[in-house]
């Protein structure tokens, strides 16, 4: 009975050590995940800012009919 108890105790200790290692890895992974999420947020913000700046200099002309084979120089 004592041998079975010792074996059980060793098994539990091994499982507890593995759980500690898994927790450490989980903490590291969560830290990396937070950094990546912050980086992604920053990139999205920069992209939105660039899109807004591009819209400032973009002109869209609507309502003018398209003429096939039009030569603008001949119109003057």
PDB file of N, CA and C in Angstrom:
ATOM      1  N   UNK A   1       0.826  -1.192   0.000  1.00  0.00           N
ATOM      2  CA  UNK A   1       0.000   0.000   0.000  1.00  0.00           C
ATOM      3  C   UNK A   1       0.873   1.261   0.000  1.00  0.00           C
ATOM      4  N   UNK A   2       1.971   1.184   0.739  1.00  0.00           N
ATOM      5  CA  UNK A   2       2.887   2.324   0.806  1.00  0.00           C
ATOM      6  C   UNK A   2       3.489   2.637  -0.549  1.00  0.00           C
ATOM      7  N   UNK A   3       3.819   1.609  -1.339  1.00  0.00           N
ATOM      8  CA  UNK A   3       4.387   1.823  -2.679  1.00  0.00           C
ATOM      9  C   UNK A   3       3.373   2.485  -3.598  1.00  0.00           C
ATOM     10  N   UNK A   4       2.120   2.062  -3.508  1.00  0.00           N
ATOM     11  CA  UNK A   4       1.075   2.672  -4.334  1.00  0.00           C
ATOM     12  C   UNK A   4       0.881   4.133  -3.954  1.00  0.00           C
ATOM     13  N   UNK A   5       0.946   4.415  -2.674  1.00  0.00           N
ATOM     14  CA  UNK A   5       0.795   5.795  -2.208  1.00  0.00           C
ATOM     15  C   UNK A   5       1.971   6.636  -2.700  1.00  0.00           C
ATOM     16  N   UNK A   6       3.179   6.100  -2.630  1.00  0.00           N
ATOM     17  CA  UNK A   6       4.354   6.827  -3.124  1.00  0.00           C
ATOM     18  C   UNK A   6       4.248   7.086  -4.626  1.00  0.00           C
ATOM     19  N   UNK A   7       3.812   6.070  -5.380  1.00  0.00           N
ATOM     20  CA  UNK A   7       3.637   6.225  -6.822  1.00  0.00           C
ATOM     21  C   UNK A   7       2.585   7.294  -7.119  1.00  0.00           C
ATOM     22  N   UNK A   8       1.490   7.252  -6.385  1.00  0.00           N
ATOM     23  CA  UNK A   8       0.429   8.235  -6.549  1.00  0.00           C
ATOM     24  C   UNK A   8       0.949   9.632  -6.212  1.00  0.00           C
ATOM     25  N   UNK A   9       1.721   9.743  -5.157  1.00  0.00           N
ATOM     26  CA  UNK A   9       2.277  11.032  -4.733  1.00  0.00           C
ATOM     27  C   UNK A   9       3.233  11.580  -5.798  1.00  0.00           C
ATOM     28  N   UNK A  10       4.075  10.728  -6.373  1.00  0.00           N
ATOM     29  CA  UNK A  10       4.980  11.142  -7.443  1.00  0.00           C
ATOM     30  C   UNK A  10       4.204  11.608  -8.666  1.00  0.00           C
ATOM     31  N   UNK A  11       3.161  10.873  -8.991  1.00  0.00           N
ATOM     32  CA  UNK A  11       2.343  11.236 -10.154  1.00  0.00           C
ATOM     33  C   UNK A  11       1.690  12.594  -9.945  1.00  0.00           C
ATOM     34  N   UNK A  12       1.165  12.815  -8.763  1.00  0.00           N
ATOM     35  CA  UNK A  12       0.528  14.101  -8.464  1.00  0.00           C
ATOM     36  C   UNK A  12       1.556  15.216  -8.525  1.00  0.00           C
ATOM     37  N   UNK A  13       2.751  14.990  -8.008  1.00  0.00           N
ATOM     38  CA  UNK A  13       3.801  16.011  -8.046  1.00  0.00           C
ATOM     39  C   UNK A  13       4.206  16.331  -9.480  1.00  0.00           C
ATOM     40  N   UNK A  14       4.301  15.308 -10.330  1.00  0.00           N
ATOM     41  CA  UNK A  14       4.624  15.535 -11.736  1.00  0.00           C
ATOM     42  C   UNK A  14       3.542  16.360 -12.419  1.00  0.00           C
ATOM     43  N   UNK A  15       2.300  16.027 -12.121  1.00  0.00           N
ATOM     44  CA  UNK A  15       1.185  16.768 -12.717  1.00  0.00           C
ATOM     45  C   UNK A  15       1.196  18.218 -12.243  1.00  0.00           C
ATOM     46  N   UNK A  16       1.478  18.438 -10.964  1.00  0.00           N
ATOM     47  CA  UNK A  16       1.542  19.805 -10.446  1.00  0.00           C
ATOM     48  C   UNK A  16       2.679  20.596 -11.089  1.00  0.00           C
ATOM     49  N   UNK A  17       3.829  19.965 -11.302  1.00  0.00           N
ATOM     50  CA  UNK A  17       4.947  20.638 -11.967  1.00  0.00           C
ATOM     51  C   UNK A  17       4.586  20.991 -13.406  1.00  0.00           C
ATOM     52  N   UNK A  18       3.930  20.068 -14.092  1.00  0.00           N
ATOM     53  CA  UNK A  18       3.502  20.344 -15.468  1.00  0.00           C
ATOM     54  C   UNK A  18       2.501  21.489 -15.498  1.00  0.00           C
ATOM     55  N   UNK A  19       1.618  21.527 -14.526  1.00  0.00           N
ATOM     56  CA  UNK A  19       0.639  22.621 -14.465  1.00  0.00           C
ATOM     57  C   UNK A  19       1.337  23.956 -14.230  1.00  0.00           C
ATOM     58  N   UNK A  20       2.376  23.972 -13.389  1.00  0.00           N
ATOM     59  CA  UNK A  20       3.134  25.204 -13.157  1.00  0.00           C
ATOM     60  C   UNK A  20       3.778  25.682 -14.455  1.00  0.00           C
ATOM     61  N   UNK A  21       4.375  24.753 -15.193  1.00  0.00           N
ATOM     62  CA  UNK A  21       5.009  25.103 -16.467  1.00  0.00           C
ATOM     63  C   UNK A  21       3.975  25.620 -17.461  1.00  0.00           C
ATOM     64  N   UNK A  22       2.836  24.970 -17.495  1.00  0.00           N
ATOM     65  CA  UNK A  22       1.768  25.402 -18.408  1.00  0.00           C
ATOM     66  C   UNK A  22       1.282  26.795 -18.027  1.00  0.00           C
ATOM     67  N   UNK A  23       1.172  27.064 -16.738  1.00  0.00           N
ATOM     68  CA  UNK A  23       0.759  28.405 -16.299  1.00  0.00           C
ATOM     69  C   UNK A  23       1.782  29.457 -16.713  1.00  0.00           C
ATOM     70  N   UNK A  24       3.078  29.127 -16.559  1.00  0.00           N
ATOM     71  CA  UNK A  24       4.116  30.071 -16.973  1.00  0.00           C
ATOM     72  C   UNK A  24       4.021  30.348 -18.462  1.00  0.00           C
ATOM     73  N   UNK A  25       3.861  29.298 -19.254  1.00  0.00           N
ATOM     74  CA  UNK A  25       3.737  29.461 -20.702  1.00  0.00           C
ATOM     75  C   UNK A  25       2.491  30.261 -21.051  1.00  0.00           C
ATOM     76  N   UNK A  26       1.422  30.033 -20.314  1.00  0.00           N
ATOM     77  CA  UNK A  26       0.177  30.753 -20.549  1.00  0.00           C
ATOM     78  C   UNK A  26       0.349  32.245 -20.262  1.00  0.00           C
ATOM     79  N   UNK A  27       1.060  32.571 -19.181  1.00  0.00           N
ATOM     80  CA  UNK A  27       1.312  33.979 -18.855  1.00  0.00           C
ATOM     81  C   UNK A  27       2.131  34.629 -19.966  1.00  0.00           C
ATOM     82  N   UNK A  28       3.172  33.916 -20.436  1.00  0.00           N
ATOM     83  CA  UNK A  28       3.981  34.450 -21.533  1.00  0.00           C
ATOM     84  C   UNK A  28       3.144  34.639 -22.790  1.00  0.00           C
ATOM     85  N   UNK A  29       2.316  33.648 -23.112  1.00  0.00           N
ATOM     86  CA  UNK A  29       1.481  33.727 -24.318  1.00  0.00           C
ATOM     87  C   UNK A  29       0.482  34.878 -24.213  1.00  0.00           C
ATOM     88  N   UNK A  30      -0.065  35.085 -23.022  1.00  0.00           N
ATOM     89  CA  UNK A  30      -0.994  36.202 -22.841  1.00  0.00           C
ATOM     90  C   UNK A  30      -0.287  37.534 -23.027  1.00  0.00           C
ATOM     91  N   UNK A  31       0.953  37.638 -22.536  1.00  0.00           N
ATOM     92  CA  UNK A  31       1.718  38.871 -22.725  1.00  0.00           C
ATOM     93  C   UNK A  31       1.990  39.133 -24.198  1.00  0.00           C
ATOM     94  N   UNK A  32       2.389  38.104 -24.913  1.00  0.00           N
ATOM     95  CA  UNK A  32       2.647  38.250 -26.348  1.00  0.00           C
ATOM     96  C   UNK A  32       1.357  38.608 -27.070  1.00  0.00           C
ATOM     97  N   UNK A  33       0.267  37.973 -26.683  1.00  0.00           N
ATOM     98  CA  UNK A  33      -1.026  38.243 -27.307  1.00  0.00           C
ATOM     99  C   UNK A  33      -1.432  39.701 -27.102  1.00  0.00           C
ATOM    100  N   UNK A  34      -1.236  40.224 -25.899  1.00  0.00           N
ATOM    101  CA  UNK A  34      -1.574  41.626 -25.635  1.00  0.00           C
ATOM    102  C   UNK A  34      -0.736  42.563 -26.492  1.00  0.00           C
ATOM    103  N   UNK A  35       0.569  42.252 -26.614  1.00  0.00           N
ATOM    104  CA  UNK A  35       1.440  43.092 -27.439  1.00  0.00           C
ATOM    105  C   UNK A  35       1.017  43.050 -28.906  1.00  0.00           C
ATOM    106  N   UNK A  36       0.684  41.856 -29.388  1.00  0.00           N
ATOM    107  CA  UNK A  36       0.248  41.729 -30.780  1.00  0.00           C
ATOM    108  C   UNK A  36      -1.067  42.457 -31.023  1.00  0.00           C
ATOM    109  N   UNK A  37      -1.990  42.349 -30.078  1.00  0.00           N
ATOM    110  CA  UNK A  37      -3.267  43.056 -30.221  1.00  0.00           C
ATOM    111  C   UNK A  37      -3.059  44.559 -30.233  1.00  0.00           C
ATOM    112  N   UNK A  38      -2.153  45.055 -29.375  1.00  0.00           N
ATOM    113  CA  UNK A  38      -1.874  46.490 -29.355  1.00  0.00           C
ATOM    114  C   UNK A  38      -1.231  46.925 -30.665  1.00  0.00           C
ATOM    115  N   UNK A  39      -0.308  46.105 -31.173  1.00  0.00           N
ATOM    116  CA  UNK A  39       0.313  46.415 -32.458  1.00  0.00           C
ATOM    117  C   UNK A  39      -0.701  46.434 -33.586  1.00  0.00           C
ATOM    118  N   UNK A  40      -1.621  45.479 -33.580  1.00  0.00           N
ATOM    119  CA  UNK A  40      -2.668  45.433 -34.594  1.00  0.00           C
ATOM    120  C   UNK A  40      -3.558  46.670 -34.505  1.00  0.00           C
ATOM    121  N   UNK A  41      -3.910  47.057 -33.279  1.00  0.00           N
ATOM    122  CA  UNK A  41      -4.733  48.258 -33.093  1.00  0.00           C
ATOM    123  C   UNK A  41      -3.999  49.478 -33.636  1.00  0.00           C
ATOM    124  N   UNK A  42      -2.699  49.582 -33.343  1.00  0.00           N
ATOM    125  CA  UNK A  42      -1.922  50.726 -33.824  1.00  0.00           C
ATOM    126  C   UNK A  42      -1.868  50.753 -35.346  1.00  0.00           C
ATOM    127  N   UNK A  43      -1.696  49.586 -35.965  1.00  0.00           N
ATOM    128  CA  UNK A  43      -1.661  49.532 -37.429  1.00  0.00           C
ATOM    129  C   UNK A  43      -3.004  49.916 -38.032  1.00  0.00           C
ATOM    130  N   UNK A  44      -4.092  49.452 -37.432  1.00  0.00           N
ATOM    131  CA  UNK A  44      -5.417  49.830 -37.927  1.00  0.00           C
ATOM    132  C   UNK A  44      -5.623  51.337 -37.811  1.00  0.00           C
ATOM    133  N   UNK A  45      -5.178  51.909 -36.685  1.00  0.00           N
ATOM    134  CA  UNK A  45      -5.318  53.351 -36.488  1.00  0.00           C
ATOM    135  C   UNK A  45      -4.524  54.113 -37.545  1.00  0.00           C
ATOM    136  N   UNK A  46      -3.291  53.661 -37.793  1.00  0.00           N
ATOM    137  CA  UNK A  46      -2.467  54.326 -38.801  1.00  0.00           C
ATOM    138  C   UNK A  46      -3.082  54.202 -40.191  1.00  0.00           C
ATOM    139  N   UNK A  47      -3.622  53.030 -40.512  1.00  0.00           N
ATOM    140  CA  UNK A  47      -4.248  52.826 -41.814  1.00  0.00           C
ATOM    141  C   UNK A  47      -5.478  53.723 -41.967  1.00  0.00           C
ATOM    142  N   UNK A  48      -6.294  53.802 -40.923  1.00  0.00           N
ATOM    143  CA  UNK A  48      -7.456  54.693 -40.976  1.00  0.00           C
ATOM    144  C   UNK A  48      -7.019  56.138 -41.167  1.00  0.00           C
ATOM    145  N   UNK A  49      -5.957  56.532 -40.477  1.00  0.00           N
ATOM    146  CA  UNK A  49      -5.455  57.898 -40.592  1.00  0.00           C
ATOM    147  C   UNK A  49      -4.960  58.163 -42.012  1.00  0.00           C
ATOM    148  N   UNK A  50      -4.254  57.195 -42.590  1.00  0.00           N
ATOM    149  CA  UNK A  50      -3.781  57.356 -43.967  1.00  0.00           C
ATOM    150  C   UNK A  50      -4.955  57.431 -44.944  1.00  0.00           C
ATOM    151  N   UNK A  51      -5.979  56.620 -44.734  1.00  0.00           N
ATOM    152  CA  UNK A  51      -7.159  56.663 -45.598  1.00  0.00           C
ATOM    153  C   UNK A  51      -7.841  58.027 -45.511  1.00  0.00           C
ATOM    154  N   UNK A  52      -7.940  58.556 -44.305  1.00  0.00           N
ATOM    155  CA  UNK A  52      -8.560  59.877 -44.138  1.00  0.00           C
ATOM    156  C   UNK A  52      -7.738  60.951 -44.834  1.00  0.00           C
ATOM    157  N   UNK A  53      -6.421  60.880 -44.730  1.00  0.00           N
ATOM    158  CA  UNK A  53      -5.569  61.858 -45.402  1.00  0.00           C
ATOM    159  C   UNK A  53      -5.683  61.733 -46.918  1.00  0.00           C
ATOM    160  N   UNK A  54      -5.821  60.512 -47.425  1.00  0.00           N
ATOM    161  CA  UNK A  54      -5.991  60.331 -48.869  1.00  0.00           C
ATOM    162  C   UNK A  54      -7.317  60.906 -49.351  1.00  0.00           C
ATOM    163  N   UNK A  55      -8.339  60.810 -48.522  1.00  0.00           N
ATOM    164  CA  UNK A  55      -9.637  61.351 -48.916  1.00  0.00           C
ATOM    165  C   UNK A  55      -9.601  62.878 -49.037  1.00  0.00           C
ATOM    166  N   UNK A  56      -8.712  63.518 -48.304  1.00  0.00           N
ATOM    167  CA  UNK A  56      -8.604  64.980 -48.371  1.00  0.00           C
ATOM    168  C   UNK A  56      -8.168  65.440 -49.746  1.00  0.00           C
ATOM    169  N   UNK A  57      -7.356  64.645 -50.427  1.00  0.00           N
ATOM    170  CA  UNK A  57      -6.826  65.068 -51.715  1.00  0.00           C
ATOM    171  C   UNK A  57      -7.476  64.344 -52.898  1.00  0.00           C
ATOM    172  N   UNK A  58      -8.530  63.610 -52.655  1.00  0.00           N
ATOM    173  CA  UNK A  58      -9.199  62.874 -53.716  1.00  0.00           C
ATOM    174  C   UNK A  58     -10.403  63.670 -54.202  1.00  0.00           C
ATOM    175  N   UNK A  59     -10.519  63.795 -55.500  1.00  0.00           N
ATOM    176  CA  UNK A  59     -11.652  64.497 -56.104  1.00  0.00           C
ATOM    177  C   UNK A  59     -12.406  63.504 -56.974  1.00  0.00           C
ATOM    178  N   UNK A  60     -13.701  63.456 -56.792  1.00  0.00           N
ATOM    179  CA  UNK A  60     -14.534  62.582 -57.604  1.00  0.00           C
ATOM    180  C   UNK A  60     -15.489  63.453 -58.401  1.00  0.00           C
ATOM    181  N   UNK A  61     -15.481  63.280 -59.700  1.00  0.00           N
ATOM    182  CA  UNK A  61     -16.362  64.050 -60.573  1.00  0.00           C
ATOM    183  C   UNK A  61     -17.482  63.118 -61.012  1.00  0.00           C
ATOM    184  N   UNK A  62     -18.712  63.535 -60.732  1.00  0.00           N
ATOM    185  CA  UNK A  62     -19.872  62.723 -61.087  1.00  0.00           C
ATOM    186  C   UNK A  62     -20.848  63.553 -61.903  1.00  0.00           C
ATOM    187  N   UNK A  63     -21.671  62.877 -62.674  1.00  0.00           N
ATOM    188  CA  UNK A  63     -22.734  63.552 -63.416  1.00  0.00           C
ATOM    189  C   UNK A  63     -22.335  64.001 -64.807  1.00  0.00           C
ATOM    190  N   UNK A  64     -21.134  63.783 -65.227  1.00  0.00           N
ATOM    191  CA  UNK A  64     -20.706  64.162 -66.568  1.00  0.00           C
ATOM    192  C   UNK A  64     -20.752  62.918 -67.428  1.00  0.00           C
ATOM    193  N   UNK A  65     -21.484  62.958 -68.540  1.00  0.00           N
ATOM    194  CA  UNK A  65     -21.597  61.761 -69.374  1.00  0.00           C
ATOM    195  C   UNK A  65     -20.265  61.414 -70.044  1.00  0.00           C
ATOM    196  N   UNK A  66     -20.058  60.127 -70.249  1.00  0.00           N
ATOM    197  CA  UNK A  66     -18.854  59.640 -70.913  1.00  0.00           C
ATOM    198  C   UNK A  66     -19.085  59.658 -72.420  1.00  0.00           C
ATOM    199  N   UNK A  67     -18.124  60.207 -73.143  1.00  0.00           N
ATOM    200  CA  UNK A  67     -18.214  60.283 -74.598  1.00  0.00           C
ATOM    201  C   UNK A  67     -17.116  59.391 -75.171  1.00  0.00           C
ATOM    202  N   UNK A  68     -17.508  58.481 -76.058  1.00  0.00           N
ATOM    203  CA  UNK A  68     -16.543  57.563 -76.662  1.00  0.00           C
ATOM    204  C   UNK A  68     -15.619  58.319 -77.614  1.00  0.00           C
ATOM    205  N   UNK A  69     -14.351  57.994 -77.619  1.00  0.00           N
ATOM    206  CA  UNK A  69     -13.351  58.584 -78.513  1.00  0.00           C
ATOM    207  C   UNK A  69     -13.327  60.114 -78.430  1.00  0.00           C
ATOM    208  N   UNK A  70     -13.544  60.639 -77.248  1.00  0.00           N
ATOM    209  CA  UNK A  70     -13.553  62.101 -77.065  1.00  0.00           C
ATOM    210  C   UNK A  70     -12.120  62.626 -77.109  1.00  0.00           C
ATOM    211  N   UNK A  71     -11.944  63.743 -77.818  1.00  0.00           N
ATOM    212  CA  UNK A  71     -10.654  64.424 -77.860  1.00  0.00           C
ATOM    213  C   UNK A  71     -10.868  65.808 -77.282  1.00  0.00           C
ATOM    214  N   UNK A  72     -10.363  66.000 -76.074  1.00  0.00           N
ATOM    215  CA  UNK A  72     -10.596  67.249 -75.357  1.00  0.00           C
ATOM    216  C   UNK A  72      -9.946  68.450 -76.059  1.00  0.00           C
ATOM    217  N   UNK A  73      -8.867  68.250 -76.745  1.00  0.00           N
ATOM    218  CA  UNK A  73      -8.173  69.341 -77.411  1.00  0.00           C
ATOM    219  C   UNK A  73      -9.033  69.913 -78.528  1.00  0.00           C
ATOM    220  N   UNK A  74      -9.800  69.076 -79.240  1.00  0.00           N
ATOM    221  CA  UNK A  74     -10.652  69.530 -80.324  1.00  0.00           C
ATOM    222  C   UNK A  74     -11.822  70.361 -79.828  1.00  0.00           C
ATOM    223  N   UNK A  75     -12.140  70.284 -78.538  1.00  0.00           N
ATOM    224  CA  UNK A  75     -13.302  70.990 -77.997  1.00  0.00           C
ATOM    225  C   UNK A  75     -13.046  72.474 -77.885  1.00  0.00           C
ATOM    226  N   UNK A  76     -11.819  72.919 -77.882  1.00  0.00           N
ATOM    227  CA  UNK A  76     -11.530  74.349 -77.703  1.00  0.00           C
ATOM    228  C   UNK A  76     -11.646  75.096 -78.962  1.00  0.00           C
TER     229      UNK A  76
END
